[in-house]
Amino acid sequence: MKGQSKALEIVLVLLVLVIVVYVVLDIFTKYMAQESEKLQGIQLTQEQKMAVQKMVQSCETKCNNYQKSASEKNLVEFCTSFNEIDLNGDGDTNDYSDKSVFAEVSLGGVGSCEKRVPCFLLVECPNVDAKRCSEAICSYYSSLGVLGSALDARVNELLDPGTCHDKFLAYHWYTIAFPQTKRGELECMQ
């Protein structure tokens, strides 16, 4: 009987040890999963920051090319460069934002559709804004022989404010630059 009680005690001790090990392992795996999620979040944030920095650098390069050459072609290249950026950091680029979570991008309260953020909103290029871009596009393409409604269609295609644009978004760059013009109604003066 004494041997049986010792064996029973050993079995109970082993059972308790197995349960304790299981609980410790469960806690450890949950902790590791949480830490892994945090690391993935940090990695995603860093990747987004690097992508935004790359976009800003690309826009700065295009502006510098225009400034050095004073070429209308380089100005059109700068003006027609748009980027997709989740400015407000909500994980959705199908919306409007007039604030940026990225230190590299200062919008100054001027908003944009996140799917179509123009270079002239990301970087300050001297004497270049949406109106100047519209004029440059009209001039450049008319010099290539594009005229009339085809020219108007081209400027509207290249300066499309994005699907989120609504004329009631008072601080959208398109509404500020062309207050009396609806999306798709820009015209070149000929």
N, C-alpha and C. Protein backbone atom coordinates (compact mmCIF):
# COMPACT_ATOMS: atom_id res chain seq x y z
N MET A 1 0.80 -1.18 0.00
CA MET A 1 0.00 0.00 0.00
C MET A 1 0.85 1.25 0.00
N LYS A 2 1.95 1.15 0.75
CA LYS A 2 2.83 2.29 0.84
C LYS A 2 3.45 2.58 -0.53
N GLY A 3 3.79 1.59 -1.28
CA GLY A 3 4.38 1.75 -2.62
C GLY A 3 3.36 2.33 -3.59
N GLN A 4 2.09 1.92 -3.41
CA GLN A 4 1.06 2.44 -4.31
C GLN A 4 0.81 3.92 -4.05
N SER A 5 0.84 4.35 -2.79
CA SER A 5 0.61 5.76 -2.49
C SER A 5 1.77 6.61 -3.00
N LYS A 6 3.00 6.06 -2.92
CA LYS A 6 4.15 6.78 -3.45
C LYS A 6 4.01 6.94 -4.96
N ALA A 7 3.58 5.88 -5.63
CA ALA A 7 3.40 5.93 -7.09
C ALA A 7 2.30 6.94 -7.44
N LEU A 8 1.24 6.95 -6.66
CA LEU A 8 0.15 7.89 -6.89
C LEU A 8 0.62 9.32 -6.69
N GLU A 9 1.45 9.54 -5.65
CA GLU A 9 2.00 10.87 -5.41
C GLU A 9 2.88 11.31 -6.58
N ILE A 10 3.70 10.39 -7.09
CA ILE A 10 4.57 10.70 -8.22
C ILE A 10 3.74 11.06 -9.46
N VAL A 11 2.69 10.30 -9.71
CA VAL A 11 1.82 10.56 -10.86
C VAL A 11 1.16 11.93 -10.71
N LEU A 12 0.68 12.26 -9.51
CA LEU A 12 0.05 13.56 -9.26
C LEU A 12 1.05 14.70 -9.44
N VAL A 13 2.26 14.52 -8.93
CA VAL A 13 3.30 15.53 -9.07
C VAL A 13 3.61 15.73 -10.55
N LEU A 14 3.75 14.64 -11.29
CA LEU A 14 4.02 14.74 -12.73
C LEU A 14 2.87 15.42 -13.46
N LEU A 15 1.64 15.12 -13.08
CA LEU A 15 0.48 15.75 -13.70
C LEU A 15 0.48 17.25 -13.43
N VAL A 16 0.78 17.64 -12.20
CA VAL A 16 0.85 19.06 -11.85
C VAL A 16 1.97 19.73 -12.64
N LEU A 17 3.12 19.08 -12.77
CA LEU A 17 4.23 19.62 -13.55
C LEU A 17 3.84 19.81 -15.02
N VAL A 18 3.17 18.86 -15.59
CA VAL A 18 2.73 18.96 -16.99
C VAL A 18 1.77 20.14 -17.15
N ILE A 19 0.85 20.31 -16.22
CA ILE A 19 -0.09 21.43 -16.29
C ILE A 19 0.64 22.75 -16.15
N VAL A 20 1.58 22.84 -15.22
CA VAL A 20 2.36 24.06 -15.02
C VAL A 20 3.16 24.38 -16.27
N VAL A 21 3.82 23.38 -16.84
CA VAL A 21 4.61 23.59 -18.07
C VAL A 21 3.70 24.04 -19.20
N TYR A 22 2.52 23.44 -19.32
CA TYR A 22 1.56 23.83 -20.37
C TYR A 22 1.14 25.29 -20.20
N VAL A 23 0.83 25.69 -18.98
CA VAL A 23 0.41 27.07 -18.71
C VAL A 23 1.54 28.05 -19.01
N VAL A 24 2.76 27.71 -18.59
CA VAL A 24 3.92 28.58 -18.84
C VAL A 24 4.16 28.71 -20.35
N LEU A 25 4.12 27.60 -21.06
CA LEU A 25 4.31 27.63 -22.52
C LEU A 25 3.21 28.44 -23.20
N ASP A 26 1.98 28.31 -22.74
CA ASP A 26 0.87 29.07 -23.31
C ASP A 26 1.08 30.57 -23.11
N ILE A 27 1.46 30.96 -21.90
CA ILE A 27 1.73 32.37 -21.61
C ILE A 27 2.89 32.86 -22.48
N PHE A 28 3.94 32.07 -22.60
CA PHE A 28 5.11 32.43 -23.40
C PHE A 28 4.73 32.62 -24.88
N THR A 29 3.96 31.71 -25.43
CA THR A 29 3.59 31.84 -26.85
C THR A 29 2.68 33.04 -27.09
N LYS A 30 1.78 33.32 -26.17
CA LYS A 30 0.93 34.51 -26.32
C LYS A 30 1.76 35.79 -26.25
N TYR A 31 2.72 35.83 -25.33
CA TYR A 31 3.61 36.98 -25.20
C TYR A 31 4.43 37.15 -26.48
N MET A 32 4.96 36.07 -27.01
CA MET A 32 5.76 36.14 -28.24
C MET A 32 4.91 36.60 -29.42
N ALA A 33 3.67 36.17 -29.49
CA ALA A 33 2.78 36.59 -30.57
C ALA A 33 2.51 38.09 -30.49
N GLN A 34 2.28 38.59 -29.27
CA GLN A 34 2.05 40.03 -29.09
C GLN A 34 3.28 40.82 -29.50
N GLU A 35 4.44 40.38 -29.08
CA GLU A 35 5.68 41.07 -29.42
C GLU A 35 5.95 41.02 -30.93
N SER A 36 5.61 39.89 -31.52
CA SER A 36 5.78 39.74 -32.97
C SER A 36 4.88 40.73 -33.71
N GLU A 37 3.64 40.88 -33.24
CA GLU A 37 2.72 41.85 -33.84
C GLU A 37 3.25 43.27 -33.70
N LYS A 38 3.80 43.59 -32.55
CA LYS A 38 4.38 44.92 -32.34
C LYS A 38 5.53 45.16 -33.30
N LEU A 39 6.39 44.16 -33.45
CA LEU A 39 7.52 44.29 -34.37
C LEU A 39 7.05 44.45 -35.82
N GLN A 40 6.01 43.72 -36.19
CA GLN A 40 5.47 43.85 -37.54
C GLN A 40 4.90 45.24 -37.76
N GLY A 41 4.24 45.77 -36.74
CA GLY A 41 3.71 47.14 -36.82
C GLY A 41 4.81 48.16 -36.98
N ILE A 42 5.89 48.00 -36.22
CA ILE A 42 7.04 48.91 -36.33
C ILE A 42 7.67 48.79 -37.71
N GLN A 43 7.80 47.58 -38.20
CA GLN A 43 8.39 47.36 -39.52
C GLN A 43 7.53 48.01 -40.60
N LEU A 44 6.22 47.85 -40.52
CA LEU A 44 5.32 48.45 -41.50
C LEU A 44 5.42 49.97 -41.47
N THR A 45 5.46 50.54 -40.27
CA THR A 45 5.59 51.99 -40.13
C THR A 45 6.89 52.48 -40.76
N GLN A 46 7.97 51.76 -40.50
CA GLN A 46 9.27 52.16 -41.07
C GLN A 46 9.26 52.04 -42.59
N GLU A 47 8.62 50.99 -43.12
CA GLU A 47 8.53 50.82 -44.57
C GLU A 47 7.72 51.96 -45.18
N GLN A 48 6.62 52.36 -44.52
CA GLN A 48 5.82 53.47 -45.02
C GLN A 48 6.62 54.77 -45.00
N LYS A 49 7.36 55.01 -43.92
CA LYS A 49 8.18 56.22 -43.83
C LYS A 49 9.22 56.25 -44.95
N MET A 50 9.85 55.11 -45.20
CA MET A 50 10.86 55.05 -46.25
C MET A 50 10.24 55.28 -47.62
N ALA A 51 9.05 54.74 -47.85
CA ALA A 51 8.36 54.94 -49.13
C ALA A 51 8.01 56.42 -49.32
N VAL A 52 7.55 57.07 -48.25
CA VAL A 52 7.20 58.49 -48.33
C VAL A 52 8.46 59.32 -48.57
N GLN A 53 9.54 58.99 -47.89
CA GLN A 53 10.81 59.70 -48.11
C GLN A 53 11.26 59.57 -49.56
N LYS A 54 11.09 58.38 -50.11
CA LYS A 54 11.47 58.14 -51.51
C LYS A 54 10.61 58.98 -52.45
N MET A 55 9.30 59.08 -52.17
CA MET A 55 8.41 59.89 -52.99
C MET A 55 8.79 61.37 -52.93
N VAL A 56 9.07 61.84 -51.72
CA VAL A 56 9.45 63.25 -51.54
C VAL A 56 10.76 63.53 -52.27
N GLN A 57 11.71 62.62 -52.16
CA GLN A 57 12.99 62.80 -52.86
C GLN A 57 12.79 62.82 -54.37
N SER A 58 11.92 61.97 -54.86
CA SER A 58 11.63 61.94 -56.30
C SER A 58 11.04 63.27 -56.74
N CYS A 59 10.11 63.80 -55.96
CA CYS A 59 9.50 65.10 -56.29
C CYS A 59 10.54 66.22 -56.22
N GLU A 60 11.41 66.18 -55.21
CA GLU A 60 12.46 67.20 -55.11
C GLU A 60 13.39 67.14 -56.32
N THR A 61 13.71 65.95 -56.77
CA THR A 61 14.56 65.78 -57.95
C THR A 61 13.90 66.37 -59.18
N LYS A 62 12.61 66.12 -59.34
CA LYS A 62 11.88 66.66 -60.50
C LYS A 62 11.81 68.18 -60.44
N CYS A 63 11.63 68.73 -59.24
CA CYS A 63 11.62 70.18 -59.08
C CYS A 63 13.00 70.75 -59.41
N ASN A 64 14.05 70.11 -58.89
CA ASN A 64 15.41 70.58 -59.16
C ASN A 64 15.74 70.52 -60.65
N ASN A 65 15.29 69.46 -61.32
CA ASN A 65 15.50 69.36 -62.77
C ASN A 65 14.86 70.53 -63.49
N TYR A 66 13.64 70.88 -63.07
CA TYR A 66 12.95 72.02 -63.68
C TYR A 66 13.69 73.33 -63.36
N GLN A 67 14.09 73.50 -62.11
CA GLN A 67 14.78 74.73 -61.71
C GLN A 67 16.09 74.92 -62.47
N LYS A 68 16.82 73.83 -62.69
CA LYS A 68 18.09 73.92 -63.40
C LYS A 68 17.89 74.22 -64.88
N SER A 69 16.90 73.59 -65.49
CA SER A 69 16.74 73.70 -66.94
C SER A 69 15.75 74.77 -67.38
N ALA A 70 14.81 75.12 -66.50
CA ALA A 70 13.71 76.03 -66.84
C ALA A 70 12.94 75.51 -68.05
N SER A 71 12.99 74.21 -68.25
CA SER A 71 12.32 73.56 -69.39
C SER A 71 10.85 73.31 -69.06
N GLU A 72 9.99 73.64 -70.01
CA GLU A 72 8.57 73.40 -69.81
C GLU A 72 8.28 71.91 -69.69
N LYS A 73 9.05 71.10 -70.40
CA LYS A 73 8.89 69.65 -70.34
C LYS A 73 9.17 69.15 -68.92
N ASN A 74 10.23 69.65 -68.28
CA ASN A 74 10.55 69.26 -66.91
C ASN A 74 9.51 69.77 -65.92
N LEU A 75 8.96 70.94 -66.20
CA LEU A 75 7.88 71.46 -65.35
C LEU A 75 6.65 70.56 -65.45
N VAL A 76 6.31 70.15 -66.66
CA VAL A 76 5.16 69.26 -66.85
C VAL A 76 5.43 67.92 -66.16
N GLU A 77 6.66 67.44 -66.22
CA GLU A 77 7.03 66.18 -65.54
C GLU A 77 6.79 66.32 -64.02
N PHE A 78 7.19 67.44 -63.45
CA PHE A 78 6.96 67.69 -62.01
C PHE A 78 5.46 67.80 -61.72
N CYS A 79 4.77 68.58 -62.54
CA CYS A 79 3.35 68.86 -62.30
C CYS A 79 2.46 67.62 -62.42
N THR A 80 2.85 66.68 -63.24
CA THR A 80 1.99 65.52 -63.50
C THR A 80 2.41 64.30 -62.69
N SER A 81 3.27 64.50 -61.72
CA SER A 81 3.70 63.39 -60.86
C SER A 81 2.81 63.35 -59.61
N PHE A 82 2.10 62.26 -59.49
CA PHE A 82 1.20 62.05 -58.36
C PHE A 82 1.62 60.78 -57.62
N ASN A 83 1.33 60.74 -56.33
CA ASN A 83 1.72 59.61 -55.48
C ASN A 83 0.53 59.13 -54.67
N GLU A 84 0.55 57.85 -54.32
CA GLU A 84 -0.47 57.30 -53.43
C GLU A 84 0.13 57.15 -52.05
N ILE A 85 -0.41 57.92 -51.09
CA ILE A 85 0.13 57.92 -49.73
C ILE A 85 -1.03 57.90 -48.73
N ASP A 86 -0.93 57.04 -47.75
CA ASP A 86 -1.90 57.02 -46.65
C ASP A 86 -1.51 58.12 -45.67
N LEU A 87 -1.88 59.35 -46.01
CA LEU A 87 -1.44 60.52 -45.25
C LEU A 87 -1.88 60.51 -43.80
N ASN A 88 -3.11 60.07 -43.55
CA ASN A 88 -3.62 60.11 -42.17
C ASN A 88 -3.35 58.82 -41.40
N GLY A 89 -2.72 57.84 -42.05
CA GLY A 89 -2.31 56.62 -41.37
C GLY A 89 -3.43 55.71 -40.93
N ASP A 90 -4.60 55.80 -41.59
CA ASP A 90 -5.72 54.96 -41.19
C ASP A 90 -5.78 53.63 -41.95
N GLY A 91 -4.81 53.38 -42.80
CA GLY A 91 -4.77 52.13 -43.55
C GLY A 91 -5.61 52.12 -44.81
N ASP A 92 -6.23 53.24 -45.14
CA ASP A 92 -7.11 53.34 -46.31
C ASP A 92 -6.66 54.52 -47.15
N THR A 93 -6.35 54.29 -48.42
CA THR A 93 -5.94 55.39 -49.30
C THR A 93 -7.08 55.85 -50.21
N ASN A 94 -8.29 55.46 -49.90
CA ASN A 94 -9.44 55.87 -50.71
C ASN A 94 -10.13 57.10 -50.15
N ASP A 95 -9.48 57.82 -49.26
CA ASP A 95 -10.13 58.96 -48.64
C ASP A 95 -9.33 60.25 -48.81
N TYR A 96 -9.84 61.29 -48.22
CA TYR A 96 -9.28 62.64 -48.28
C TYR A 96 -8.54 62.92 -46.98
N SER A 97 -7.45 63.65 -47.08
CA SER A 97 -6.73 64.03 -45.86
C SER A 97 -6.12 65.41 -46.04
N ASP A 98 -6.18 66.22 -44.99
CA ASP A 98 -5.51 67.52 -45.02
C ASP A 98 -4.46 67.61 -43.90
N LYS A 99 -4.18 66.46 -43.29
CA LYS A 99 -3.13 66.36 -42.28
C LYS A 99 -2.31 65.12 -42.58
N SER A 100 -1.03 65.19 -42.24
CA SER A 100 -0.15 64.06 -42.51
C SER A 100 0.47 63.54 -41.22
N VAL A 101 0.56 62.22 -41.12
CA VAL A 101 1.22 61.61 -39.97
C VAL A 101 2.72 61.49 -40.20
N PHE A 102 3.18 61.86 -41.39
CA PHE A 102 4.59 61.75 -41.74
C PHE A 102 5.28 63.10 -41.59
N ALA A 103 6.37 63.12 -40.87
CA ALA A 103 7.12 64.37 -40.64
C ALA A 103 7.65 64.93 -41.96
N GLU A 104 7.88 64.07 -42.93
CA GLU A 104 8.43 64.49 -44.22
C GLU A 104 7.43 65.27 -45.06
N VAL A 105 6.15 65.13 -44.74
CA VAL A 105 5.09 65.75 -45.53
C VAL A 105 4.33 66.75 -44.67
N SER A 106 4.47 68.02 -45.02
CA SER A 106 3.74 69.08 -44.33
C SER A 106 2.74 69.66 -45.32
N LEU A 107 1.48 69.39 -45.09
CA LEU A 107 0.44 69.84 -46.01
C LEU A 107 -0.04 71.26 -45.73
N GLY A 108 0.20 71.74 -44.55
CA GLY A 108 -0.23 73.09 -44.19
C GLY A 108 -1.73 73.28 -44.26
N GLY A 109 -2.47 72.22 -44.02
CA GLY A 109 -3.93 72.32 -44.03
C GLY A 109 -4.55 72.19 -45.41
N VAL A 110 -3.74 72.06 -46.44
CA VAL A 110 -4.26 71.85 -47.80
C VAL A 110 -4.40 70.35 -47.98
N GLY A 111 -5.57 69.93 -48.44
CA GLY A 111 -5.84 68.50 -48.53
C GLY A 111 -5.74 67.93 -49.93
N SER A 112 -5.81 66.60 -49.98
CA SER A 112 -5.74 65.88 -51.24
C SER A 112 -6.38 64.51 -51.06
N CYS A 113 -6.80 63.93 -52.17
CA CYS A 113 -7.20 62.53 -52.16
C CYS A 113 -5.91 61.72 -52.00
N GLU A 114 -5.92 60.77 -51.12
CA GLU A 114 -4.69 60.03 -50.82
C GLU A 114 -4.20 59.18 -51.99
N LYS A 115 -5.07 58.85 -52.90
CA LYS A 115 -4.66 58.09 -54.09
C LYS A 115 -3.94 58.97 -55.11
N ARG A 116 -4.13 60.31 -55.03
CA ARG A 116 -3.52 61.23 -56.00
C ARG A 116 -2.98 62.47 -55.30
N VAL A 117 -1.83 62.29 -54.66
CA VAL A 117 -1.18 63.41 -53.98
C VAL A 117 -0.12 63.97 -54.93
N PRO A 118 -0.30 65.21 -55.39
CA PRO A 118 0.63 65.77 -56.38
C PRO A 118 1.97 66.18 -55.74
N CYS A 119 3.01 66.14 -56.58
CA CYS A 119 4.34 66.57 -56.11
C CYS A 119 4.31 68.01 -55.62
N PHE A 120 3.52 68.88 -56.29
CA PHE A 120 3.52 70.28 -55.88
C PHE A 120 2.87 70.49 -54.51
N LEU A 121 2.26 69.44 -53.97
CA LEU A 121 1.73 69.51 -52.61
C LEU A 121 2.75 68.92 -51.62
N LEU A 122 3.59 68.00 -52.10
CA LEU A 122 4.57 67.35 -51.22
C LEU A 122 5.81 68.21 -50.99
N VAL A 123 6.25 68.93 -52.02
CA VAL A 123 7.45 69.75 -51.90
C VAL A 123 7.17 71.14 -52.45
N GLU A 124 7.85 72.11 -51.88
CA GLU A 124 7.72 73.47 -52.37
C GLU A 124 8.70 73.66 -53.52
N CYS A 125 8.15 73.93 -54.68
CA CYS A 125 8.96 74.20 -55.86
C CYS A 125 8.67 75.66 -56.20
N PRO A 126 9.67 76.53 -56.17
CA PRO A 126 9.43 77.97 -56.36
C PRO A 126 8.60 78.29 -57.60
N ASN A 127 7.59 79.13 -57.40
CA ASN A 127 6.72 79.61 -58.47
C ASN A 127 5.93 78.52 -59.18
N VAL A 128 5.70 77.41 -58.50
CA VAL A 128 4.92 76.32 -59.09
C VAL A 128 3.76 75.98 -58.17
N ASP A 129 2.56 76.06 -58.71
CA ASP A 129 1.37 75.63 -58.01
C ASP A 129 0.44 75.00 -59.04
N ALA A 130 -0.76 74.63 -58.63
CA ALA A 130 -1.67 73.94 -59.54
C ALA A 130 -2.03 74.80 -60.75
N LYS A 131 -2.24 76.10 -60.55
CA LYS A 131 -2.57 76.97 -61.69
C LYS A 131 -1.41 77.05 -62.67
N ARG A 132 -0.21 77.23 -62.15
CA ARG A 132 0.98 77.29 -63.02
C ARG A 132 1.13 75.96 -63.76
N CYS A 133 0.85 74.87 -63.09
CA CYS A 133 0.92 73.56 -63.73
C CYS A 133 -0.09 73.43 -64.86
N SER A 134 -1.30 73.91 -64.62
CA SER A 134 -2.33 73.87 -65.65
C SER A 134 -1.88 74.65 -66.89
N GLU A 135 -1.34 75.83 -66.66
CA GLU A 135 -0.85 76.66 -67.78
C GLU A 135 0.28 75.96 -68.52
N ALA A 136 1.21 75.37 -67.77
CA ALA A 136 2.35 74.69 -68.39
C ALA A 136 1.91 73.49 -69.21
N ILE A 137 0.97 72.71 -68.68
CA ILE A 137 0.48 71.54 -69.41
C ILE A 137 -0.19 71.98 -70.71
N CYS A 138 -1.04 73.01 -70.62
CA CYS A 138 -1.72 73.51 -71.82
C CYS A 138 -0.70 73.99 -72.85
N SER A 139 0.26 74.76 -72.42
CA SER A 139 1.27 75.30 -73.32
C SER A 139 2.11 74.19 -73.94
N TYR A 140 2.57 73.26 -73.12
CA TYR A 140 3.45 72.20 -73.60
C TYR A 140 2.73 71.32 -74.63
N TYR A 141 1.53 70.87 -74.31
CA TYR A 141 0.83 69.98 -75.22
C TYR A 141 0.33 70.70 -76.48
N SER A 142 0.00 71.98 -76.36
CA SER A 142 -0.39 72.71 -77.58
C SER A 142 0.82 72.88 -78.50
N SER A 143 2.02 73.02 -77.90
CA SER A 143 3.24 73.11 -78.73
C SER A 143 3.53 71.78 -79.43
N LEU A 144 2.97 70.68 -78.89
CA LEU A 144 3.12 69.37 -79.53
C LEU A 144 2.03 69.12 -80.57
N GLY A 145 1.11 70.07 -80.70
CA GLY A 145 0.05 69.94 -81.70
C GLY A 145 -1.26 69.42 -81.18
N VAL A 146 -1.38 69.26 -79.88
CA VAL A 146 -2.66 68.83 -79.29
C VAL A 146 -3.49 70.09 -79.08
N LEU A 147 -4.68 70.10 -79.68
CA LEU A 147 -5.51 71.32 -79.63
C LEU A 147 -6.96 71.01 -79.28
N GLY A 148 -7.70 72.05 -78.99
CA GLY A 148 -9.15 71.96 -78.78
C GLY A 148 -9.54 71.05 -77.63
N SER A 149 -10.57 70.25 -77.88
CA SER A 149 -11.12 69.39 -76.83
C SER A 149 -10.11 68.32 -76.40
N ALA A 150 -9.23 67.90 -77.31
CA ALA A 150 -8.20 66.92 -76.94
C ALA A 150 -7.23 67.51 -75.92
N LEU A 151 -6.93 68.79 -76.08
CA LEU A 151 -6.04 69.48 -75.13
C LEU A 151 -6.72 69.61 -73.77
N ASP A 152 -8.00 69.99 -73.80
CA ASP A 152 -8.75 70.09 -72.54
C ASP A 152 -8.84 68.73 -71.84
N ALA A 153 -9.07 67.68 -72.63
CA ALA A 153 -9.16 66.34 -72.06
C ALA A 153 -7.82 65.94 -71.43
N ARG A 154 -6.73 66.30 -72.09
CA ARG A 154 -5.40 65.94 -71.58
C ARG A 154 -5.10 66.65 -70.26
N VAL A 155 -5.39 67.95 -70.17
CA VAL A 155 -5.12 68.67 -68.93
C VAL A 155 -5.99 68.13 -67.80
N ASN A 156 -7.23 67.74 -68.10
CA ASN A 156 -8.11 67.17 -67.08
C ASN A 156 -7.63 65.79 -66.63
N GLU A 157 -7.10 65.04 -67.56
CA GLU A 157 -6.57 63.72 -67.22
C GLU A 157 -5.33 63.85 -66.33
N LEU A 158 -4.44 64.77 -66.69
CA LEU A 158 -3.18 64.92 -65.96
C LEU A 158 -3.33 65.61 -64.61
N LEU A 159 -4.31 66.49 -64.49
CA LEU A 159 -4.52 67.19 -63.21
C LEU A 159 -5.80 66.72 -62.51
N ASP A 160 -6.13 65.47 -62.70
CA ASP A 160 -7.30 64.90 -62.03
C ASP A 160 -7.07 64.92 -60.52
N PRO A 161 -8.00 65.50 -59.77
CA PRO A 161 -7.80 65.61 -58.31
C PRO A 161 -8.03 64.31 -57.54
N GLY A 162 -8.59 63.31 -58.20
CA GLY A 162 -8.88 62.04 -57.52
C GLY A 162 -10.36 61.85 -57.30
N THR A 163 -10.75 60.61 -57.11
CA THR A 163 -12.17 60.28 -57.00
C THR A 163 -12.81 60.79 -55.71
N CYS A 164 -12.02 61.08 -54.70
CA CYS A 164 -12.60 61.57 -53.45
C CYS A 164 -12.94 63.06 -53.53
N HIS A 165 -12.49 63.73 -54.60
CA HIS A 165 -12.70 65.18 -54.69
C HIS A 165 -14.19 65.52 -54.77
N ASP A 166 -14.53 66.52 -54.03
CA ASP A 166 -15.88 67.06 -54.00
C ASP A 166 -15.71 68.57 -53.92
N LYS A 167 -16.47 69.30 -54.71
CA LYS A 167 -16.29 70.76 -54.72
C LYS A 167 -16.56 71.39 -53.35
N PHE A 168 -17.18 70.64 -52.45
CA PHE A 168 -17.45 71.16 -51.12
C PHE A 168 -16.29 70.93 -50.15
N LEU A 169 -15.23 70.25 -50.62
CA LEU A 169 -14.01 70.11 -49.82
C LEU A 169 -13.22 71.40 -50.04
N ALA A 170 -13.48 72.39 -49.21
CA ALA A 170 -12.93 73.73 -49.42
C ALA A 170 -11.42 73.79 -49.40
N TYR A 171 -10.76 72.85 -48.74
CA TYR A 171 -9.31 72.93 -48.62
C TYR A 171 -8.58 71.90 -49.48
N HIS A 172 -9.30 71.26 -50.39
CA HIS A 172 -8.66 70.36 -51.35
C HIS A 172 -7.86 71.23 -52.32
N TRP A 173 -6.66 70.81 -52.70
CA TRP A 173 -5.79 71.63 -53.56
C TRP A 173 -6.50 72.03 -54.85
N TYR A 174 -7.32 71.16 -55.39
CA TYR A 174 -8.01 71.45 -56.64
C TYR A 174 -9.06 72.55 -56.45
N THR A 175 -9.79 72.48 -55.35
CA THR A 175 -10.81 73.49 -55.06
C THR A 175 -10.16 74.85 -54.80
N ILE A 176 -9.00 74.85 -54.15
CA ILE A 176 -8.30 76.11 -53.89
C ILE A 176 -7.80 76.72 -55.20
N ALA A 177 -7.21 75.89 -56.07
CA ALA A 177 -6.64 76.39 -57.32
C ALA A 177 -7.70 76.74 -58.36
N PHE A 178 -8.76 75.96 -58.41
CA PHE A 178 -9.80 76.15 -59.43
C PHE A 178 -11.17 76.18 -58.75
N PRO A 179 -11.48 77.25 -58.01
CA PRO A 179 -12.68 77.26 -57.16
C PRO A 179 -14.01 77.16 -57.93
N GLN A 180 -14.06 77.61 -59.15
CA GLN A 180 -15.31 77.59 -59.90
C GLN A 180 -15.38 76.42 -60.88
N THR A 181 -14.44 75.50 -60.79
CA THR A 181 -14.34 74.43 -61.77
C THR A 181 -14.57 73.08 -61.11
N LYS A 182 -15.46 72.29 -61.72
CA LYS A 182 -15.69 70.94 -61.23
C LYS A 182 -14.62 70.02 -61.81
N ARG A 183 -14.48 68.88 -61.20
CA ARG A 183 -13.54 67.85 -61.69
C ARG A 183 -13.86 67.53 -63.14
N GLY A 184 -12.83 67.58 -63.99
CA GLY A 184 -13.00 67.24 -65.39
C GLY A 184 -13.44 68.40 -66.27
N GLU A 185 -13.49 69.62 -65.72
CA GLU A 185 -13.96 70.76 -66.50
C GLU A 185 -12.89 71.83 -66.72
N LEU A 186 -11.62 71.48 -66.55
CA LEU A 186 -10.56 72.46 -66.82
C LEU A 186 -10.50 72.70 -68.33
N GLU A 187 -10.21 73.95 -68.68
CA GLU A 187 -10.08 74.28 -70.10
C GLU A 187 -8.80 75.08 -70.31
N CYS A 188 -8.17 74.83 -71.44
CA CYS A 188 -6.99 75.58 -71.82
C CYS A 188 -7.42 76.80 -72.64
N MET A 189 -6.84 77.95 -72.36
CA MET A 189 -7.11 79.14 -73.15
C MET A 189 -6.29 79.06 -74.44
N GLN A 190 -6.97 79.18 -75.55
CA GLN A 190 -6.26 79.04 -76.83
C GLN A 190 -6.32 80.29 -77.65
